[in-house]
Amino acid sequence: MLTFSNIYKKFGETVVFENFCDEFENNCVNCIFGPSGSGKTTLLNLAAGNLAPDAGRIVNAPKNVSYVFQEERLIPQKTAYKNLEFILSGKYPDKNELKTVINSFLDSAGLSAAKDLYPREMSGGMKQRLSLIRAFAYRSDALLMDEPFKALDFSLKENIAETFLKYFAADRRTTLFVTHEPDDAALIGDYVHIYSDKPMKLIKKLKIPGEKGKRTLHSAEITEFKKIFYTN
């Protein structure tokens, strides 16, 4: 279990974490919910090892991570295929295996016909699917997601969530998923961690009812669950 123990972190005079403690379930989607500017992205950077705490310790930190961001962060000068090749070439030194892996992921995401397109030639949904398969194709211990659904309309969000769930079922890994939307948590989450403003503290950790992928967002149990987000 990824554990944050008595973490202290500040930037200048701003204290982001003070004696912060929390635990994240292995091979589950742990949703991170809190006010804007409270330190959620800093939490991801600490988990990834991009930042070090000023005090405290992180137990069972992942050795390597893959990211899915709100912005796709694709390389504009490279095609869909070449974007994947750039990220994965170090993980798959055998060129034939690399080609097989890339084509398999493109096919599974319905992007085979887009393999030679540049990001500027792709729709928002295509680019976000490419970002997802890039993250899952990269062999990592943990997946960090920083509001990847924020800029999507609801129908596209459901489509991307379905793609995510397909890959997650085949390759479960510890996931930290930052979101401001209760519906996003209900679509793909296992647990939700609700935090205060900075210095960030855990208010409550809850198991999301029902099996992800089979939940109905307007069911009575999910409707009741979502009220929790607005009653802290």
C-alpha atoms as a PDB file:
ATOM      1  CA  MET A   1       0.000   0.000   0.000  1.00  0.00           C
ATOM      2  CA  LEU A   2       1.351   3.430  -0.961  1.00  0.00           C
ATOM      3  CA  THR A   3       1.571   5.284   2.346  1.00  0.00           C
ATOM      4  CA  PHE A   4       2.241   8.927   3.152  1.00  0.00           C
ATOM      5  CA  SER A   5       3.454   9.244   6.732  1.00  0.00           C
ATOM      6  CA  ASN A   6       3.652  12.636   8.483  1.00  0.00           C
ATOM      7  CA  ILE A   7       4.548  14.493   5.300  1.00  0.00           C
ATOM      8  CA  TYR A   8       5.591  18.119   5.535  1.00  0.00           C
ATOM      9  CA  LYS A   9       6.064  20.194   2.387  1.00  0.00           C
ATOM     10  CA  LYS A  10       6.134  23.914   1.767  1.00  0.00           C
ATOM     11  CA  PHE A  11       6.941  26.252  -1.118  1.00  0.00           C
ATOM     12  CA  GLY A  12       8.317  29.548   0.133  1.00  0.00           C
ATOM     13  CA  GLU A  13       6.063  30.544   3.006  1.00  0.00           C
ATOM     14  CA  THR A  14       3.141  28.400   1.802  1.00  0.00           C
ATOM     15  CA  VAL A  15       2.701  25.158   3.739  1.00  0.00           C
ATOM     16  CA  VAL A  16       1.021  22.593   1.485  1.00  0.00           C
ATOM     17  CA  PHE A  17       1.320  19.529   3.750  1.00  0.00           C
ATOM     18  CA  GLU A  18       1.737  19.450   7.509  1.00  0.00           C
ATOM     19  CA  ASN A  19       1.818  16.034   9.196  1.00  0.00           C
ATOM     20  CA  PHE A  20      -0.109  14.681   6.204  1.00  0.00           C
ATOM     21  CA  CYS A  21      -1.003  10.981   6.409  1.00  0.00           C
ATOM     22  CA  ASP A  22      -2.913   8.774   3.994  1.00  0.00           C
ATOM     23  CA  GLU A  23      -2.866   5.304   2.438  1.00  0.00           C
ATOM     24  CA  PHE A  24      -3.737   4.350  -1.132  1.00  0.00           C
ATOM     25  CA  GLU A  25      -5.030   0.902  -2.033  1.00  0.00           C
ATOM     26  CA  ASN A  26      -2.898  -1.280  -4.279  1.00  0.00           C
ATOM     27  CA  ASN A  27      -4.173  -2.016  -7.802  1.00  0.00           C
ATOM     28  CA  CYS A  28      -7.216   0.215  -7.309  1.00  0.00           C
ATOM     29  CA  VAL A  29      -8.313   3.593  -8.643  1.00  0.00           C
ATOM     30  CA  ASN A  30      -7.906   6.013  -5.734  1.00  0.00           C
ATOM     31  CA  CYS A  31      -9.740   9.249  -6.534  1.00  0.00           C
ATOM     32  CA  ILE A  32      -8.322  12.471  -5.087  1.00  0.00           C
ATOM     33  CA  PHE A  33     -10.891  15.190  -4.475  1.00  0.00           C
ATOM     34  CA  GLY A  34     -10.348  18.595  -2.888  1.00  0.00           C
ATOM     35  CA  PRO A  35     -10.398  22.380  -3.399  1.00  0.00           C
ATOM     36  CA  SER A  36      -8.461  23.971  -6.250  1.00  0.00           C
ATOM     37  CA  GLY A  37      -4.932  24.804  -5.188  1.00  0.00           C
ATOM     38  CA  SER A  38      -5.019  22.525  -2.152  1.00  0.00           C
ATOM     39  CA  GLY A  39      -2.045  20.412  -3.210  1.00  0.00           C
ATOM     40  CA  LYS A  40      -3.472  17.536  -5.242  1.00  0.00           C
ATOM     41  CA  THR A  41      -0.955  17.840  -8.078  1.00  0.00           C
ATOM     42  CA  THR A  42       1.833  18.197  -5.507  1.00  0.00           C
ATOM     43  CA  LEU A  43       0.619  14.907  -4.030  1.00  0.00           C
ATOM     44  CA  LEU A  44       1.051  13.242  -7.435  1.00  0.00           C
ATOM     45  CA  ASN A  45       4.531  14.708  -7.802  1.00  0.00           C
ATOM     46  CA  LEU A  46       5.512  13.393  -4.376  1.00  0.00           C
ATOM     47  CA  ALA A  47       4.182   9.946  -5.278  1.00  0.00           C
ATOM     48  CA  ALA A  48       6.157  10.011  -8.526  1.00  0.00           C
ATOM     49  CA  GLY A  49       9.371  11.087  -6.824  1.00  0.00           C
ATOM     50  CA  ASN A  50       9.467  14.340  -8.800  1.00  0.00           C
ATOM     51  CA  LEU A  51       9.392  16.156  -5.451  1.00  0.00           C
ATOM     52  CA  ALA A  52      10.793  15.124  -2.087  1.00  0.00           C
ATOM     53  CA  PRO A  53       9.012  15.871   1.191  1.00  0.00           C
ATOM     54  CA  ASP A  54      10.694  18.309   3.545  1.00  0.00           C
ATOM     55  CA  ALA A  55       9.904  15.899   6.378  1.00  0.00           C
ATOM     56  CA  GLY A  56       8.119  12.573   6.801  1.00  0.00           C
ATOM     57  CA  ARG A  57       8.361   9.563   4.529  1.00  0.00           C
ATOM     58  CA  ILE A  58       6.592   7.835   1.665  1.00  0.00           C
ATOM     59  CA  VAL A  59       6.384   4.063   2.074  1.00  0.00           C
ATOM     60  CA  ASN A  60       6.134   1.725  -0.934  1.00  0.00           C
ATOM     61  CA  ALA A  61       6.627   4.568  -3.383  1.00  0.00           C
ATOM     62  CA  PRO A  62       6.440   3.327  -6.989  1.00  0.00           C
ATOM     63  CA  LYS A  63       9.753   2.817  -8.734  1.00  0.00           C
ATOM     64  CA  ASN A  64       8.346   4.155 -11.983  1.00  0.00           C
ATOM     65  CA  VAL A  65       5.073   5.761 -12.995  1.00  0.00           C
ATOM     66  CA  SER A  66       3.072   6.610 -16.074  1.00  0.00           C
ATOM     67  CA  TYR A  67       0.987   9.763 -16.403  1.00  0.00           C
ATOM     68  CA  VAL A  68      -2.264  10.830 -18.014  1.00  0.00           C
ATOM     69  CA  PHE A  69      -2.669  14.621 -17.933  1.00  0.00           C
ATOM     70  CA  GLN A  70      -5.563  16.992 -18.557  1.00  0.00           C
ATOM     71  CA  GLU A  71      -3.666  18.157 -21.651  1.00  0.00           C
ATOM     72  CA  GLU A  72      -2.667  15.275 -23.911  1.00  0.00           C
ATOM     73  CA  ARG A  73       1.012  16.387 -23.981  1.00  0.00           C
ATOM     74  CA  LEU A  74       1.593  14.622 -27.258  1.00  0.00           C
ATOM     75  CA  ILE A  75       4.588  15.573 -29.390  1.00  0.00           C
ATOM     76  CA  PRO A  76       3.080  17.720 -32.172  1.00  0.00           C
ATOM     77  CA  GLN A  77       5.844  16.897 -34.680  1.00  0.00           C
ATOM     78  CA  LYS A  78       5.266  13.144 -34.370  1.00  0.00           C
ATOM     79  CA  THR A  79       2.446  10.928 -35.652  1.00  0.00           C
ATOM     80  CA  ALA A  80       0.300   8.817 -33.338  1.00  0.00           C
ATOM     81  CA  TYR A  81       2.557   5.838 -34.021  1.00  0.00           C
ATOM     82  CA  LYS A  82       5.734   7.846 -33.467  1.00  0.00           C
ATOM     83  CA  ASN A  83       4.384   9.337 -30.221  1.00  0.00           C
ATOM     84  CA  LEU A  84       4.034   5.823 -28.844  1.00  0.00           C
ATOM     85  CA  GLU A  85       7.358   4.733 -30.286  1.00  0.00           C
ATOM     86  CA  PHE A  86       9.142   7.656 -28.609  1.00  0.00           C
ATOM     87  CA  ILE A  87       7.810   6.685 -25.158  1.00  0.00           C
ATOM     88  CA  LEU A  88       8.088   2.907 -25.507  1.00  0.00           C
ATOM     89  CA  SER A  89      11.370   2.363 -27.361  1.00  0.00           C
ATOM     90  CA  GLY A  90      13.347   2.183 -24.112  1.00  0.00           C
ATOM     91  CA  LYS A  91      10.954  -0.397 -22.658  1.00  0.00           C
ATOM     92  CA  TYR A  92      10.907  -2.599 -25.765  1.00  0.00           C
ATOM     93  CA  PRO A  93      14.441  -2.681 -27.232  1.00  0.00           C
ATOM     94  CA  ASP A  94      13.499  -5.398 -29.736  1.00  0.00           C
ATOM     95  CA  LYS A  95      12.124  -3.485 -32.740  1.00  0.00           C
ATOM     96  CA  ASN A  96       9.750  -6.243 -33.827  1.00  0.00           C
ATOM     97  CA  GLU A  97       8.255  -6.506 -30.339  1.00  0.00           C
ATOM     98  CA  LEU A  98       7.980  -2.708 -30.171  1.00  0.00           C
ATOM     99  CA  LYS A  99       6.101  -2.618 -33.483  1.00  0.00           C
ATOM    100  CA  THR A 100       3.766  -5.416 -32.359  1.00  0.00           C
ATOM    101  CA  VAL A 101       3.001  -3.683 -29.042  1.00  0.00           C
ATOM    102  CA  ILE A 102       2.323  -0.317 -30.666  1.00  0.00           C
ATOM    103  CA  ASN A 103       0.061  -1.738 -33.364  1.00  0.00           C
ATOM    104  CA  SER A 104      -1.796  -3.872 -30.813  1.00  0.00           C
ATOM    105  CA  PHE A 105      -2.545  -0.873 -28.616  1.00  0.00           C
ATOM    106  CA  LEU A 106      -3.538   1.318 -31.543  1.00  0.00           C
ATOM    107  CA  ASP A 107      -5.896  -1.392 -32.775  1.00  0.00           C
ATOM    108  CA  SER A 108      -7.450  -1.971 -29.355  1.00  0.00           C
ATOM    109  CA  ALA A 109      -8.168   1.761 -29.004  1.00  0.00           C
ATOM    110  CA  GLY A 110      -9.668   2.013 -32.483  1.00  0.00           C
ATOM    111  CA  LEU A 111      -6.760   4.172 -33.662  1.00  0.00           C
ATOM    112  CA  SER A 112      -5.171   1.955 -36.318  1.00  0.00           C
ATOM    113  CA  ALA A 113      -6.463   4.195 -39.094  1.00  0.00           C
ATOM    114  CA  ALA A 114      -5.020   7.216 -37.279  1.00  0.00           C
ATOM    115  CA  LYS A 115      -1.492   5.827 -36.805  1.00  0.00           C
ATOM    116  CA  ASP A 116      -0.001   8.238 -39.368  1.00  0.00           C
ATOM    117  CA  LEU A 117      -1.943  11.297 -38.205  1.00  0.00           C
ATOM    118  CA  TYR A 118      -0.328  14.146 -36.325  1.00  0.00           C
ATOM    119  CA  PRO A 119      -2.006  15.439 -33.143  1.00  0.00           C
ATOM    120  CA  ARG A 120      -3.283  18.530 -34.979  1.00  0.00           C
ATOM    121  CA  GLU A 121      -5.154  16.202 -37.347  1.00  0.00           C
ATOM    122  CA  MET A 122      -6.832  14.206 -34.551  1.00  0.00           C
ATOM    123  CA  SER A 123     -10.024  14.900 -32.605  1.00  0.00           C
ATOM    124  CA  GLY A 124      -9.938  15.552 -28.861  1.00  0.00           C
ATOM    125  CA  GLY A 125     -11.244  12.069 -28.130  1.00  0.00           C
ATOM    126  CA  MET A 126      -8.644  10.423 -30.357  1.00  0.00           C
ATOM    127  CA  LYS A 127      -5.840  12.327 -28.659  1.00  0.00           C
ATOM    128  CA  GLN A 128      -7.094  11.408 -25.199  1.00  0.00           C
ATOM    129  CA  ARG A 129      -7.357   7.716 -26.159  1.00  0.00           C
ATOM    130  CA  LEU A 130      -3.803   7.925 -27.464  1.00  0.00           C
ATOM    131  CA  SER A 131      -2.721   9.384 -24.120  1.00  0.00           C
ATOM    132  CA  LEU A 132      -4.411   6.515 -22.300  1.00  0.00           C
ATOM    133  CA  ILE A 133      -2.820   3.751 -24.350  1.00  0.00           C
ATOM    134  CA  ARG A 134       0.548   5.481 -24.041  1.00  0.00           C
ATOM    135  CA  ALA A 135       0.197   5.316 -20.247  1.00  0.00           C
ATOM    136  CA  PHE A 136      -0.904   1.672 -20.193  1.00  0.00           C
ATOM    137  CA  ALA A 137       1.618   0.505 -22.776  1.00  0.00           C
ATOM    138  CA  TYR A 138       4.417   1.988 -20.672  1.00  0.00           C
ATOM    139  CA  ARG A 139       5.364  -0.590 -18.060  1.00  0.00           C
ATOM    140  CA  SER A 140       4.997   1.092 -14.672  1.00  0.00           C
ATOM    141  CA  ASP A 141       4.175   0.385 -11.049  1.00  0.00           C
ATOM    142  CA  ALA A 142       1.616   3.154 -10.745  1.00  0.00           C
ATOM    143  CA  LEU A 143      -0.595   5.326 -12.897  1.00  0.00           C
ATOM    144  CA  LEU A 144      -1.034   9.009 -12.067  1.00  0.00           C
ATOM    145  CA  MET A 145      -3.963  10.864 -13.641  1.00  0.00           C
ATOM    146  CA  ASP A 146      -4.309  14.628 -13.248  1.00  0.00           C
ATOM    147  CA  GLU A 147      -7.847  15.613 -14.291  1.00  0.00           C
ATOM    148  CA  PRO A 148      -7.683  13.870 -17.682  1.00  0.00           C
ATOM    149  CA  PHE A 149     -11.447  14.178 -18.267  1.00  0.00           C
ATOM    150  CA  LYS A 150     -11.798  17.869 -17.388  1.00  0.00           C
ATOM    151  CA  ALA A 151     -11.980  19.257 -20.922  1.00  0.00           C
ATOM    152  CA  LEU A 152     -14.314  16.529 -22.282  1.00  0.00           C
ATOM    153  CA  ASP A 153     -18.062  16.683 -22.751  1.00  0.00           C
ATOM    154  CA  PHE A 154     -20.069  14.004 -20.968  1.00  0.00           C
ATOM    155  CA  SER A 155     -20.600  11.606 -23.881  1.00  0.00           C
ATOM    156  CA  LEU A 156     -16.908  11.725 -24.787  1.00  0.00           C
ATOM    157  CA  LYS A 157     -16.001  11.343 -21.117  1.00  0.00           C
ATOM    158  CA  GLU A 158     -18.065   8.157 -20.922  1.00  0.00           C
ATOM    159  CA  ASN A 159     -16.327   6.825 -24.035  1.00  0.00           C
ATOM    160  CA  ILE A 160     -12.855   7.548 -22.648  1.00  0.00           C
ATOM    161  CA  ALA A 161     -13.835   6.085 -19.258  1.00  0.00           C
ATOM    162  CA  GLU A 162     -14.950   2.873 -20.998  1.00  0.00           C
ATOM    163  CA  THR A 163     -11.579   2.706 -22.779  1.00  0.00           C
ATOM    164  CA  PHE A 164      -9.779   3.259 -19.489  1.00  0.00           C
ATOM    165  CA  LEU A 165     -11.741   0.504 -17.724  1.00  0.00           C
ATOM    166  CA  LYS A 166     -10.926  -1.975 -20.482  1.00  0.00           C
ATOM    167  CA  TYR A 167      -7.208  -1.404 -20.103  1.00  0.00           C
ATOM    168  CA  PHE A 168      -7.348  -1.268 -16.316  1.00  0.00           C
ATOM    169  CA  ALA A 169      -9.113  -4.640 -16.153  1.00  0.00           C
ATOM    170  CA  ALA A 170      -6.300  -6.170 -18.213  1.00  0.00           C
ATOM    171  CA  ASP A 171      -3.481  -4.415 -16.338  1.00  0.00           C
ATOM    172  CA  ARG A 172      -4.425  -3.362 -12.817  1.00  0.00           C
ATOM    173  CA  ARG A 173      -2.029  -1.002 -11.146  1.00  0.00           C
ATOM    174  CA  THR A 174      -2.158   1.428  -8.249  1.00  0.00           C
ATOM    175  CA  THR A 175      -3.805   4.566  -9.614  1.00  0.00           C
ATOM    176  CA  LEU A 176      -4.104   8.084  -8.186  1.00  0.00           C
ATOM    177  CA  PHE A 177      -6.785  10.003 -10.062  1.00  0.00           C
ATOM    178  CA  VAL A 178      -7.200  13.728  -9.376  1.00  0.00           C
ATOM    179  CA  THR A 179     -10.665  15.032 -10.202  1.00  0.00           C
ATOM    180  CA  HIS A 180     -13.099  17.788  -9.264  1.00  0.00           C
ATOM    181  CA  GLU A 181     -16.102  15.862 -10.583  1.00  0.00           C
ATOM    182  CA  PRO A 182     -18.050  13.306  -8.487  1.00  0.00           C
ATOM    183  CA  ASP A 183     -19.293  11.724 -11.730  1.00  0.00           C
ATOM    184  CA  ASP A 184     -15.697  11.039 -12.809  1.00  0.00           C
ATOM    185  CA  ALA A 185     -15.039   9.223  -9.533  1.00  0.00           C
ATOM    186  CA  ALA A 186     -18.246   7.229  -9.940  1.00  0.00           C
ATOM    187  CA  LEU A 187     -17.317   6.247 -13.507  1.00  0.00           C
ATOM    188  CA  ILE A 188     -13.922   4.693 -12.831  1.00  0.00           C
ATOM    189  CA  GLY A 189     -13.050   4.897  -9.122  1.00  0.00           C
ATOM    190  CA  ASP A 190     -12.775   2.316  -6.348  1.00  0.00           C
ATOM    191  CA  TYR A 191     -12.122   4.721  -3.475  1.00  0.00           C
ATOM    192  CA  VAL A 192     -12.376   8.452  -3.005  1.00  0.00           C
ATOM    193  CA  HIS A 193     -10.121  10.497  -0.728  1.00  0.00           C
ATOM    194  CA  ILE A 194     -11.660  13.860   0.173  1.00  0.00           C
ATOM    195  CA  TYR A 195      -9.230  16.531   1.334  1.00  0.00           C
ATOM    196  CA  SER A 196      -9.284  19.958   2.944  1.00  0.00           C
ATOM    197  CA  ASP A 197      -7.654  23.108   1.634  1.00  0.00           C
ATOM    198  CA  LYS A 198      -3.950  23.558   2.423  1.00  0.00           C
ATOM    199  CA  PRO A 199      -2.283  22.559   4.532  1.00  0.00           C
ATOM    200  CA  MET A 200      -4.048  19.560   3.031  1.00  0.00           C
ATOM    201  CA  LYS A 201      -5.595  17.023   5.408  1.00  0.00           C
ATOM    202  CA  LEU A 202      -7.633  13.896   4.726  1.00  0.00           C
ATOM    203  CA  ILE A 203     -11.264  14.539   5.663  1.00  0.00           C
ATOM    204  CA  LYS A 204     -12.606  11.118   4.730  1.00  0.00           C
ATOM    205  CA  LYS A 205     -11.842   8.056   2.642  1.00  0.00           C
ATOM    206  CA  LEU A 206     -14.774   6.133   1.193  1.00  0.00           C
ATOM    207  CA  LYS A 207     -15.365   3.024  -0.881  1.00  0.00           C
ATOM    208  CA  ILE A 208     -17.438   3.906  -3.933  1.00  0.00           C
ATOM    209  CA  PRO A 209     -20.561   1.697  -3.979  1.00  0.00           C
ATOM    210  CA  GLY A 210     -21.099  -0.811  -6.761  1.00  0.00           C
ATOM    211  CA  GLU A 211     -18.730  -2.261  -9.330  1.00  0.00           C
ATOM    212  CA  LYS A 212     -17.061   0.286 -11.569  1.00  0.00           C
ATOM    213  CA  GLY A 213     -18.049  -0.163 -15.173  1.00  0.00           C
ATOM    214  CA  LYS A 214     -21.504  -1.339 -14.121  1.00  0.00           C
ATOM    215  CA  ARG A 215     -22.625   1.665 -12.097  1.00  0.00           C
ATOM    216  CA  THR A 216     -25.507   3.873 -13.171  1.00  0.00           C
ATOM    217  CA  LEU A 217     -24.695   7.479 -12.372  1.00  0.00           C
ATOM    218  CA  HIS A 218     -28.314   8.274 -11.548  1.00  0.00           C
ATOM    219  CA  SER A 219     -28.948   5.229  -9.387  1.00  0.00           C
ATOM    220  CA  ALA A 220     -30.104   5.861  -5.826  1.00  0.00           C
ATOM    221  CA  GLU A 221     -26.850   4.644  -4.241  1.00  0.00           C
ATOM    222  CA  ILE A 222     -24.611   6.723  -6.499  1.00  0.00           C
ATOM    223  CA  THR A 223     -26.849   9.792  -6.145  1.00  0.00           C
ATOM    224  CA  GLU A 224     -26.647   9.444  -2.369  1.00  0.00           C
ATOM    225  CA  PHE A 225     -22.899   8.852  -2.551  1.00  0.00           C
ATOM    226  CA  LYS A 226     -22.323  12.026  -4.596  1.00  0.00           C
ATOM    227  CA  LYS A 227     -23.992  14.142  -1.909  1.00  0.00           C
ATOM    228  CA  ILE A 228     -20.965  13.409   0.288  1.00  0.00           C
ATOM    229  CA  PHE A 229     -18.811  15.629  -1.923  1.00  0.00           C
ATOM    230  CA  TYR A 230     -20.881  18.680  -1.045  1.00  0.00           C
ATOM    231  CA  THR A 231     -21.389  18.084   2.683  1.00  0.00           C
ATOM    232  CA  ASN A 232     -17.895  18.306   4.156  1.00  0.00           C
END
